[in-house]
């Protein structure tokens, strides 16, 4: 489901049976919504804008409220990241190499840490320590994978 965003909606006029009406338009629950607000001769543009904002208040209130979720690195990797990528983005051969590498290097290093508490400095220290025992290609791959994990975590509201 798409993220709910703050919206202003739009206000236009519509002609029906020779008379002009104010037409409010906005998005809600993944679809377009419209509502006639009244005749242009009876409702001023300022009143129509106020009516539209009253309609959008509860929708925008839901958009502003963000759920704060918490997870350890291991919980996020095992329950969110791996299933998302394994379930259609990765070929079987990719999954066969990626999952053990994630578990061996990344979950082992950051497993018990909360996702929100992992800092750039901590990630950099991990990469520098890993560089002592692994080759450049493994290091580049781990950096890419960490970036991918944290992008997904950001999209899900974890970090």
C-alpha atoms as a PDB file:
ATOM      1  CA  UNK A   1       0.000   0.000   0.000  1.00  0.00           C
ATOM      2  CA  UNK A   2       1.250   3.460  -0.837  1.00  0.00           C
ATOM      3  CA  UNK A   3       2.370   5.875   1.799  1.00  0.00           C
ATOM      4  CA  UNK A   4      -0.242   8.479   2.730  1.00  0.00           C
ATOM      5  CA  UNK A   5       1.068  11.947   1.989  1.00  0.00           C
ATOM      6  CA  UNK A   6      -0.047  15.434   2.924  1.00  0.00           C
ATOM      7  CA  UNK A   7      -2.262  16.861   0.221  1.00  0.00           C
ATOM      8  CA  UNK A   8      -4.030  20.092  -0.607  1.00  0.00           C
ATOM      9  CA  UNK A   9      -6.566  18.728  -3.073  1.00  0.00           C
ATOM     10  CA  UNK A  10      -7.891  20.828  -5.915  1.00  0.00           C
ATOM     11  CA  UNK A  11     -10.907  23.015  -6.402  1.00  0.00           C
ATOM     12  CA  UNK A  12     -12.437  23.583  -9.844  1.00  0.00           C
ATOM     13  CA  UNK A  13     -15.761  24.558 -11.321  1.00  0.00           C
ATOM     14  CA  UNK A  14     -18.044  22.154 -13.107  1.00  0.00           C
ATOM     15  CA  UNK A  15     -20.969  22.965 -15.321  1.00  0.00           C
ATOM     16  CA  UNK A  16     -24.048  20.804 -14.958  1.00  0.00           C
ATOM     17  CA  UNK A  17     -27.472  21.623 -16.427  1.00  0.00           C
ATOM     18  CA  UNK A  18     -26.283  25.118 -17.283  1.00  0.00           C
ATOM     19  CA  UNK A  19     -25.162  25.964 -13.733  1.00  0.00           C
ATOM     20  CA  UNK A  20     -21.647  26.142 -12.297  1.00  0.00           C
ATOM     21  CA  UNK A  21     -20.761  24.093  -9.211  1.00  0.00           C
ATOM     22  CA  UNK A  22     -17.626  23.946  -7.072  1.00  0.00           C
ATOM     23  CA  UNK A  23     -15.962  20.558  -7.457  1.00  0.00           C
ATOM     24  CA  UNK A  24     -13.430  19.356  -4.854  1.00  0.00           C
ATOM     25  CA  UNK A  25     -10.948  16.626  -5.833  1.00  0.00           C
ATOM     26  CA  UNK A  26      -8.513  14.647  -3.662  1.00  0.00           C
ATOM     27  CA  UNK A  27      -7.040  11.165  -3.237  1.00  0.00           C
ATOM     28  CA  UNK A  28      -7.987   8.740  -0.517  1.00  0.00           C
ATOM     29  CA  UNK A  29      -7.391   5.016  -0.002  1.00  0.00           C
ATOM     30  CA  UNK A  30      -5.574   4.715  -3.313  1.00  0.00           C
ATOM     31  CA  UNK A  31      -8.286   6.287  -5.460  1.00  0.00           C
ATOM     32  CA  UNK A  32      -9.634   9.616  -6.661  1.00  0.00           C
ATOM     33  CA  UNK A  33     -12.442  11.242  -4.716  1.00  0.00           C
ATOM     34  CA  UNK A  34     -14.659  14.120  -5.801  1.00  0.00           C
ATOM     35  CA  UNK A  35     -17.472  16.055  -4.206  1.00  0.00           C
ATOM     36  CA  UNK A  36     -19.663  18.911  -5.344  1.00  0.00           C
ATOM     37  CA  UNK A  37     -19.572  21.664  -2.743  1.00  0.00           C
ATOM     38  CA  UNK A  38     -22.404  23.834  -4.009  1.00  0.00           C
ATOM     39  CA  UNK A  39     -23.399  26.357  -6.619  1.00  0.00           C
ATOM     40  CA  UNK A  40     -20.779  28.971  -7.432  1.00  0.00           C
ATOM     41  CA  UNK A  41     -23.437  31.670  -7.024  1.00  0.00           C
ATOM     42  CA  UNK A  42     -24.225  30.541  -3.459  1.00  0.00           C
ATOM     43  CA  UNK A  43     -20.799  29.421  -2.178  1.00  0.00           C
ATOM     44  CA  UNK A  44     -17.830  31.806  -2.391  1.00  0.00           C
ATOM     45  CA  UNK A  45     -14.429  30.515  -3.469  1.00  0.00           C
ATOM     46  CA  UNK A  46     -13.089  31.140   0.039  1.00  0.00           C
ATOM     47  CA  UNK A  47     -15.911  29.091   1.571  1.00  0.00           C
ATOM     48  CA  UNK A  48     -15.338  26.305  -0.973  1.00  0.00           C
ATOM     49  CA  UNK A  49     -11.604  26.226  -0.107  1.00  0.00           C
ATOM     50  CA  UNK A  50     -12.492  26.045   3.583  1.00  0.00           C
ATOM     51  CA  UNK A  51     -14.891  23.163   2.916  1.00  0.00           C
ATOM     52  CA  UNK A  52     -12.173  21.312   0.998  1.00  0.00           C
ATOM     53  CA  UNK A  53      -9.678  21.798   3.851  1.00  0.00           C
ATOM     54  CA  UNK A  54     -12.276  20.439   6.305  1.00  0.00           C
ATOM     55  CA  UNK A  55     -12.634  17.335   4.130  1.00  0.00           C
ATOM     56  CA  UNK A  56      -8.835  16.882   3.983  1.00  0.00           C
ATOM     57  CA  UNK A  57      -8.136  17.456   7.705  1.00  0.00           C
ATOM     58  CA  UNK A  58      -8.644  13.824   8.837  1.00  0.00           C
ATOM     59  CA  UNK A  59      -6.780  12.490   5.786  1.00  0.00           C
ATOM     60  CA  UNK A  60      -3.795  14.773   6.410  1.00  0.00           C
ATOM     61  CA  UNK A  61      -3.857  13.962  10.129  1.00  0.00           C
ATOM     62  CA  UNK A  62      -3.292  10.288   9.232  1.00  0.00           C
ATOM     63  CA  UNK A  63      -0.436  11.302   6.917  1.00  0.00           C
ATOM     64  CA  UNK A  64       1.354  13.223   9.682  1.00  0.00           C
ATOM     65  CA  UNK A  65       1.132  10.422  12.221  1.00  0.00           C
ATOM     66  CA  UNK A  66       4.022   8.040  11.744  1.00  0.00           C
ATOM     67  CA  UNK A  67       4.257   4.774  13.500  1.00  0.00           C
ATOM     68  CA  UNK A  68       7.579   4.308  15.236  1.00  0.00           C
ATOM     69  CA  UNK A  69       8.739   0.762  14.742  1.00  0.00           C
ATOM     70  CA  UNK A  70      11.692  -0.906  16.341  1.00  0.00           C
ATOM     71  CA  UNK A  71      13.673  -3.926  15.275  1.00  0.00           C
ATOM     72  CA  UNK A  72      17.115  -5.353  15.690  1.00  0.00           C
ATOM     73  CA  UNK A  73      19.283  -5.728  12.621  1.00  0.00           C
ATOM     74  CA  UNK A  74      18.829  -9.497  12.694  1.00  0.00           C
ATOM     75  CA  UNK A  75      15.022  -9.271  13.004  1.00  0.00           C
ATOM     76  CA  UNK A  76      14.833  -6.836  10.114  1.00  0.00           C
ATOM     77  CA  UNK A  77      17.198  -8.837   7.907  1.00  0.00           C
ATOM     78  CA  UNK A  78      15.494 -12.188   8.555  1.00  0.00           C
ATOM     79  CA  UNK A  79      11.842 -11.082   8.687  1.00  0.00           C
ATOM     80  CA  UNK A  80      11.717  -8.221   6.198  1.00  0.00           C
ATOM     81  CA  UNK A  81      14.753  -7.816   3.949  1.00  0.00           C
ATOM     82  CA  UNK A  82      15.480 -11.417   2.953  1.00  0.00           C
ATOM     83  CA  UNK A  83      11.805 -12.337   2.300  1.00  0.00           C
ATOM     84  CA  UNK A  84      11.294  -9.202   0.171  1.00  0.00           C
ATOM     85  CA  UNK A  85      14.275  -9.908  -2.054  1.00  0.00           C
ATOM     86  CA  UNK A  86      14.035 -13.693  -2.019  1.00  0.00           C
ATOM     87  CA  UNK A  87      10.373 -13.589  -3.007  1.00  0.00           C
ATOM     88  CA  UNK A  88      10.853 -12.412  -6.543  1.00  0.00           C
ATOM     89  CA  UNK A  89      13.739  -9.980  -6.915  1.00  0.00           C
ATOM     90  CA  UNK A  90      16.553 -12.502  -6.699  1.00  0.00           C
ATOM     91  CA  UNK A  91      17.127 -15.549  -8.846  1.00  0.00           C
ATOM     92  CA  UNK A  92      17.690 -18.766  -6.931  1.00  0.00           C
ATOM     93  CA  UNK A  93      21.425 -18.646  -7.579  1.00  0.00           C
ATOM     94  CA  UNK A  94      21.618 -15.084  -6.228  1.00  0.00           C
ATOM     95  CA  UNK A  95      19.671 -16.011  -3.107  1.00  0.00           C
ATOM     96  CA  UNK A  96      21.970 -18.991  -2.568  1.00  0.00           C
ATOM     97  CA  UNK A  97      24.997 -16.685  -2.343  1.00  0.00           C
ATOM     98  CA  UNK A  98      23.448 -13.521  -0.839  1.00  0.00           C
ATOM     99  CA  UNK A  99      21.619 -14.997   2.144  1.00  0.00           C
ATOM    100  CA  UNK A 100      24.642 -16.798   3.633  1.00  0.00           C
ATOM    101  CA  UNK A 101      26.788 -13.726   3.052  1.00  0.00           C
ATOM    102  CA  UNK A 102      24.256 -11.469   4.802  1.00  0.00           C
ATOM    103  CA  UNK A 103      24.001 -13.869   7.717  1.00  0.00           C
ATOM    104  CA  UNK A 104      27.745 -14.500   8.007  1.00  0.00           C
ATOM    105  CA  UNK A 105      29.038 -10.948   7.711  1.00  0.00           C
ATOM    106  CA  UNK A 106      26.238  -8.517   8.504  1.00  0.00           C
ATOM    107  CA  UNK A 107      23.945 -10.312  10.954  1.00  0.00           C
ATOM    108  CA  UNK A 108      26.994 -11.542  12.830  1.00  0.00           C
ATOM    109  CA  UNK A 109      28.316  -7.990  13.181  1.00  0.00           C
ATOM    110  CA  UNK A 110      25.076  -6.044  13.804  1.00  0.00           C
ATOM    111  CA  UNK A 111      22.547  -8.732  14.791  1.00  0.00           C
ATOM    112  CA  UNK A 112      21.683  -7.595  18.342  1.00  0.00           C
ATOM    113  CA  UNK A 113      21.872  -3.858  17.646  1.00  0.00           C
ATOM    114  CA  UNK A 114      18.674  -1.892  17.160  1.00  0.00           C
ATOM    115  CA  UNK A 115      18.374  -0.595  13.595  1.00  0.00           C
ATOM    116  CA  UNK A 116      17.943   2.974  14.856  1.00  0.00           C
ATOM    117  CA  UNK A 117      21.139   2.804  16.924  1.00  0.00           C
ATOM    118  CA  UNK A 118      23.468   1.794  14.074  1.00  0.00           C
ATOM    119  CA  UNK A 119      25.492   4.840  13.044  1.00  0.00           C
ATOM    120  CA  UNK A 120      27.531   5.756   9.989  1.00  0.00           C
ATOM    121  CA  UNK A 121      30.664   5.575  12.117  1.00  0.00           C
ATOM    122  CA  UNK A 122      29.763   2.039  13.222  1.00  0.00           C
ATOM    123  CA  UNK A 123      29.200   0.949   9.632  1.00  0.00           C
ATOM    124  CA  UNK A 124      32.474   2.518   8.533  1.00  0.00           C
ATOM    125  CA  UNK A 125      34.366   0.830  11.371  1.00  0.00           C
ATOM    126  CA  UNK A 126      32.838  -2.517  10.359  1.00  0.00           C
ATOM    127  CA  UNK A 127      33.885  -2.042   6.727  1.00  0.00           C
ATOM    128  CA  UNK A 128      37.428  -1.048   7.714  1.00  0.00           C
ATOM    129  CA  UNK A 129      37.757  -4.071   9.997  1.00  0.00           C
ATOM    130  CA  UNK A 130      36.357  -6.372   7.305  1.00  0.00           C
ATOM    131  CA  UNK A 131      38.800  -4.932   4.748  1.00  0.00           C
ATOM    132  CA  UNK A 132      41.663  -6.479   6.726  1.00  0.00           C
ATOM    133  CA  UNK A 133      40.434 -10.020   6.101  1.00  0.00           C
ATOM    134  CA  UNK A 134      38.342  -9.812   2.888  1.00  0.00           C
ATOM    135  CA  UNK A 135      39.000  -8.754  -0.665  1.00  0.00           C
ATOM    136  CA  UNK A 136      37.849  -5.539  -2.318  1.00  0.00           C
ATOM    137  CA  UNK A 137      35.013  -7.244  -4.203  1.00  0.00           C
ATOM    138  CA  UNK A 138      33.528  -8.693  -0.990  1.00  0.00           C
ATOM    139  CA  UNK A 139      33.900  -5.333   0.699  1.00  0.00           C
ATOM    140  CA  UNK A 140      32.156  -3.516  -2.163  1.00  0.00           C
ATOM    141  CA  UNK A 141      29.402  -6.095  -2.112  1.00  0.00           C
ATOM    142  CA  UNK A 142      28.865  -5.736   1.646  1.00  0.00           C
ATOM    143  CA  UNK A 143      28.729  -1.949   1.298  1.00  0.00           C
ATOM    144  CA  UNK A 144      26.147  -2.290  -1.465  1.00  0.00           C
ATOM    145  CA  UNK A 145      24.102  -4.743   0.608  1.00  0.00           C
ATOM    146  CA  UNK A 146      24.178  -2.491   3.699  1.00  0.00           C
ATOM    147  CA  UNK A 147      22.980   0.415   1.602  1.00  0.00           C
ATOM    148  CA  UNK A 148      20.148  -1.707   0.227  1.00  0.00           C
ATOM    149  CA  UNK A 149      19.120  -2.902   3.703  1.00  0.00           C
ATOM    150  CA  UNK A 150      19.020   0.598   5.137  1.00  0.00           C
ATOM    151  CA  UNK A 151      17.118   1.991   2.136  1.00  0.00           C
ATOM    152  CA  UNK A 152      14.418  -0.623   2.692  1.00  0.00           C
ATOM    153  CA  UNK A 153      14.438   0.071   6.435  1.00  0.00           C
ATOM    154  CA  UNK A 154      13.990   3.773   5.738  1.00  0.00           C
ATOM    155  CA  UNK A 155      11.101   3.079   3.384  1.00  0.00           C
ATOM    156  CA  UNK A 156       9.442   0.911   6.027  1.00  0.00           C
ATOM    157  CA  UNK A 157       9.874   3.533   8.757  1.00  0.00           C
ATOM    158  CA  UNK A 158      12.363   1.523  10.803  1.00  0.00           C
ATOM    159  CA  UNK A 159      15.168   4.103  10.552  1.00  0.00           C
END
